[in-house]
Amino acid sequence: MRAKKEIIKVLTKNDFLMNIETAKQINLADYLHSLGYSPVKQQGI
C-alpha cells in the first residue's frame, strides 16, 4: 500500500491536490461550514 504517496483529489471551487497528512489537518466542521452546512447537533466538545 502506498499510503504516503497516495494523493487525495478534493473538488471545491478550485481543484487542488493534497496529501493525506494535509487532509487530516482540515477541521471537518469548519470545512462544511465554509460550504454552507450547519450542524444540527455537535458532540464531544
PDB file of N, CA and C in Angstrom:
ATOM      1  N   MET A   1       0.845  -1.193   0.000  1.00  0.00           N
ATOM      2  CA  MET A   1       0.000   0.000   0.000  1.00  0.00           C
ATOM      3  C   MET A   1       0.879   1.241   0.000  1.00  0.00           C
ATOM      4  N   ARG A   2       0.551   2.186  -0.835  1.00  0.00           N
ATOM      5  CA  ARG A   2       1.356   3.393  -0.987  1.00  0.00           C
ATOM      6  C   ARG A   2       0.705   4.575  -0.284  1.00  0.00           C
ATOM      7  N   ALA A   3       0.408   4.441   0.994  1.00  0.00           N
ATOM      8  CA  ALA A   3      -0.339   5.473   1.717  1.00  0.00           C
ATOM      9  C   ALA A   3       0.371   6.825   1.696  1.00  0.00           C
ATOM     10  N   LYS A   4       1.698   6.832   1.870  1.00  0.00           N
ATOM     11  CA  LYS A   4       2.419   8.104   1.911  1.00  0.00           C
ATOM     12  C   LYS A   4       2.430   8.786   0.554  1.00  0.00           C
ATOM     13  N   LYS A   5       2.398   8.009  -0.514  1.00  0.00           N
ATOM     14  CA  LYS A   5       2.443   8.591  -1.850  1.00  0.00           C
ATOM     15  C   LYS A   5       1.054   8.816  -2.422  1.00  0.00           C
ATOM     16  N   GLU A   6       0.049   8.355  -1.692  1.00  0.00           N
ATOM     17  CA  GLU A   6      -1.312   8.473  -2.188  1.00  0.00           C
ATOM     18  C   GLU A   6      -1.750   9.934  -2.172  1.00  0.00           C
ATOM     19  N   ILE A   7      -2.375  10.360  -3.227  1.00  0.00           N
ATOM     20  CA  ILE A   7      -2.850  11.736  -3.351  1.00  0.00           C
ATOM     21  C   ILE A   7      -4.369  11.735  -3.311  1.00  0.00           C
ATOM     22  N   ILE A   8      -4.918  12.670  -2.559  1.00  0.00           N
ATOM     23  CA  ILE A   8      -6.367  12.811  -2.472  1.00  0.00           C
ATOM     24  C   ILE A   8      -6.769  14.011  -3.310  1.00  0.00           C
ATOM     25  N   LYS A   9      -7.696  13.811  -4.202  1.00  0.00           N
ATOM     26  CA  LYS A   9      -8.178  14.929  -5.009  1.00  0.00           C
ATOM     27  C   LYS A   9      -9.430  15.476  -4.346  1.00  0.00           C
ATOM     28  N   VAL A  10      -9.399  16.739  -4.027  1.00  0.00           N
ATOM     29  CA  VAL A  10     -10.515  17.402  -3.379  1.00  0.00           C
ATOM     30  C   VAL A  10     -11.086  18.405  -4.370  1.00  0.00           C
ATOM     31  N   LEU A  11     -12.371  18.297  -4.623  1.00  0.00           N
ATOM     32  CA  LEU A  11     -13.008  19.204  -5.563  1.00  0.00           C
ATOM     33  C   LEU A  11     -13.778  20.274  -4.801  1.00  0.00           C
ATOM     34  N   THR A  12     -13.368  21.487  -4.954  1.00  0.00           N
ATOM     35  CA  THR A  12     -14.081  22.622  -4.377  1.00  0.00           C
ATOM     36  C   THR A  12     -14.242  23.648  -5.495  1.00  0.00           C
ATOM     37  N   LYS A  13     -14.328  24.909  -5.167  1.00  0.00           N
ATOM     38  CA  LYS A  13     -14.412  25.931  -6.208  1.00  0.00           C
ATOM     39  C   LYS A  13     -13.179  25.869  -7.109  1.00  0.00           C
ATOM     40  N   ASN A  14     -12.030  25.644  -6.514  1.00  0.00           N
ATOM     41  CA  ASN A  14     -10.779  25.466  -7.263  1.00  0.00           C
ATOM     42  C   ASN A  14     -10.305  24.041  -7.012  1.00  0.00           C
ATOM     43  N   ASP A  15      -9.984  23.326  -8.068  1.00  0.00           N
ATOM     44  CA  ASP A  15      -9.453  21.972  -7.900  1.00  0.00           C
ATOM     45  C   ASP A  15      -8.012  22.070  -7.403  1.00  0.00           C
ATOM     46  N   PHE A  16      -7.661  21.253  -6.426  1.00  0.00           N
ATOM     47  CA  PHE A  16      -6.290  21.202  -5.962  1.00  0.00           C
ATOM     48  C   PHE A  16      -6.014  19.816  -5.406  1.00  0.00           C
ATOM     49  N   LEU A  17      -4.736  19.486  -5.306  1.00  0.00           N
ATOM     50  CA  LEU A  17      -4.320  18.192  -4.791  1.00  0.00           C
ATOM     51  C   LEU A  17      -3.676  18.385  -3.434  1.00  0.00           C
ATOM     52  N   MET A  18      -3.852  17.399  -2.559  1.00  0.00           N
ATOM     53  CA  MET A  18      -3.205  17.443  -1.257  1.00  0.00           C
ATOM     54  C   MET A  18      -2.847  16.022  -0.845  1.00  0.00           C
ATOM     55  N   ASN A  19      -1.884  15.896   0.048  1.00  0.00           N
ATOM     56  CA  ASN A  19      -1.555  14.569   0.544  1.00  0.00           C
ATOM     57  C   ASN A  19      -2.400  14.274   1.782  1.00  0.00           C
ATOM     58  N   ILE A  20      -2.342  13.055   2.260  1.00  0.00           N
ATOM     59  CA  ILE A  20      -3.207  12.626   3.366  1.00  0.00           C
ATOM     60  C   ILE A  20      -2.912  13.398   4.648  1.00  0.00           C
ATOM     61  N   GLU A  21      -1.652  13.751   4.883  1.00  0.00           N
ATOM     62  CA  GLU A  21      -1.314  14.489   6.105  1.00  0.00           C
ATOM     63  C   GLU A  21      -1.941  15.884   6.089  1.00  0.00           C
ATOM     64  N   THR A  22      -1.942  16.527   4.958  1.00  0.00           N
ATOM     65  CA  THR A  22      -2.578  17.841   4.835  1.00  0.00           C
ATOM     66  C   THR A  22      -4.081  17.715   5.010  1.00  0.00           C
ATOM     67  N   ALA A  23      -4.663  16.688   4.430  1.00  0.00           N
ATOM     68  CA  ALA A  23      -6.108  16.478   4.535  1.00  0.00           C
ATOM     69  C   ALA A  23      -6.529  16.251   5.983  1.00  0.00           C
ATOM     70  N   LYS A  24      -5.717  15.551   6.749  1.00  0.00           N
ATOM     71  CA  LYS A  24      -6.049  15.272   8.155  1.00  0.00           C
ATOM     72  C   LYS A  24      -6.035  16.531   9.012  1.00  0.00           C
ATOM     73  N   GLN A  25      -5.353  17.575   8.564  1.00  0.00           N
ATOM     74  CA  GLN A  25      -5.264  18.813   9.340  1.00  0.00           C
ATOM     75  C   GLN A  25      -6.479  19.711   9.159  1.00  0.00           C
ATOM     76  N   ILE A  26      -7.331  19.401   8.210  1.00  0.00           N
ATOM     77  CA  ILE A  26      -8.509  20.227   7.959  1.00  0.00           C
ATOM     78  C   ILE A  26      -9.585  19.906   8.992  1.00  0.00           C
ATOM     79  N   ASN A  27     -10.098  20.932   9.647  1.00  0.00           N
ATOM     80  CA  ASN A  27     -11.191  20.746  10.589  1.00  0.00           C
ATOM     81  C   ASN A  27     -12.463  20.526   9.772  1.00  0.00           C
ATOM     82  N   LEU A  28     -13.052  19.347   9.903  1.00  0.00           N
ATOM     83  CA  LEU A  28     -14.201  18.980   9.083  1.00  0.00           C
ATOM     84  C   LEU A  28     -15.387  19.911   9.313  1.00  0.00           C
ATOM     85  N   ALA A  29     -15.647  20.278  10.557  1.00  0.00           N
ATOM     86  CA  ALA A  29     -16.774  21.168  10.856  1.00  0.00           C
ATOM     87  C   ALA A  29     -16.575  22.530  10.191  1.00  0.00           C
ATOM     88  N   ASP A  30     -15.357  23.061  10.248  1.00  0.00           N
ATOM     89  CA  ASP A  30     -15.075  24.354   9.609  1.00  0.00           C
ATOM     90  C   ASP A  30     -15.209  24.261   8.094  1.00  0.00           C
ATOM     91  N   TYR A  31     -14.735  23.156   7.522  1.00  0.00           N
ATOM     92  CA  TYR A  31     -14.819  22.972   6.073  1.00  0.00           C
ATOM     93  C   TYR A  31     -16.279  22.904   5.623  1.00  0.00           C
ATOM     94  N   LEU A  32     -17.090  22.126   6.323  1.00  0.00           N
ATOM     95  CA  LEU A  32     -18.503  22.018   5.962  1.00  0.00           C
ATOM     96  C   LEU A  32     -19.215  23.353   6.138  1.00  0.00           C
ATOM     97  N   HIS A  33     -18.850  24.094   7.191  1.00  0.00           N
ATOM     98  CA  HIS A  33     -19.435  25.420   7.406  1.00  0.00           C
ATOM     99  C   HIS A  33     -19.095  26.357   6.243  1.00  0.00           C
ATOM    100  N   SER A  34     -17.863  26.246   5.732  1.00  0.00           N
ATOM    101  CA  SER A  34     -17.468  27.097   4.602  1.00  0.00           C
ATOM    102  C   SER A  34     -18.262  26.772   3.342  1.00  0.00           C
ATOM    103  N   LEU A  35     -18.816  25.563   3.278  1.00  0.00           N
ATOM    104  CA  LEU A  35     -19.654  25.162   2.146  1.00  0.00           C
ATOM    105  C   LEU A  35     -21.127  25.473   2.381  1.00  0.00           C
ATOM    106  N   GLY A  36     -21.439  26.027   3.575  1.00  0.00           N
ATOM    107  CA  GLY A  36     -22.812  26.421   3.857  1.00  0.00           C
ATOM    108  C   GLY A  36     -23.605  25.438   4.691  1.00  0.00           C
ATOM    109  N   TYR A  37     -22.950  24.404   5.214  1.00  0.00           N
ATOM    110  CA  TYR A  37     -23.646  23.429   6.050  1.00  0.00           C
ATOM    111  C   TYR A  37     -23.537  23.826   7.510  1.00  0.00           C
ATOM    112  N   SER A  38     -24.618  23.618   8.261  1.00  0.00           N
ATOM    113  CA  SER A  38     -24.620  23.900   9.693  1.00  0.00           C
ATOM    114  C   SER A  38     -25.007  22.636  10.441  1.00  0.00           C
ATOM    115  N   PRO A  39     -24.304  22.336  11.533  1.00  0.00           N
ATOM    116  CA  PRO A  39     -24.623  21.121  12.282  1.00  0.00           C
ATOM    117  C   PRO A  39     -25.954  21.249  13.018  1.00  0.00           C
ATOM    118  N   VAL A  40     -26.676  20.155  13.079  1.00  0.00           N
ATOM    119  CA  VAL A  40     -27.900  20.115  13.865  1.00  0.00           C
ATOM    120  C   VAL A  40     -27.520  19.887  15.318  1.00  0.00           C
ATOM    121  N   LYS A  41     -26.502  19.063  15.530  1.00  0.00           N
ATOM    122  CA  LYS A  41     -26.070  18.724  16.878  1.00  0.00           C
ATOM    123  C   LYS A  41     -24.570  18.446  16.845  1.00  0.00           C
ATOM    124  N   GLN A  42     -23.842  18.918  17.861  1.00  0.00           N
ATOM    125  CA  GLN A  42     -22.418  18.627  17.969  1.00  0.00           C
ATOM    126  C   GLN A  42     -22.185  17.803  19.215  1.00  0.00           C
ATOM    127  N   GLN A  43     -21.283  16.847  19.100  1.00  0.00           N
ATOM    128  CA  GLN A  43     -20.946  16.002  20.238  1.00  0.00           C
ATOM    129  C   GLN A  43     -19.450  16.073  20.505  1.00  0.00           C
ATOM    130  N   GLY A  44     -19.065  15.778  21.735  1.00  0.00           N
ATOM    131  CA  GLY A  44     -17.657  15.667  22.078  1.00  0.00           C
ATOM    132  C   GLY A  44     -16.903  16.973  22.185  1.00  0.00           C
ATOM    133  N   ILE A  45     -17.609  18.054  22.467  1.00  0.00           N
ATOM    134  CA  ILE A  45     -16.920  19.347  22.601  1.00  0.00           C
ATOM    135  C   ILE A  45     -16.711  19.656  24.061  1.00  0.00           C
TER     136      ILE A  45
END
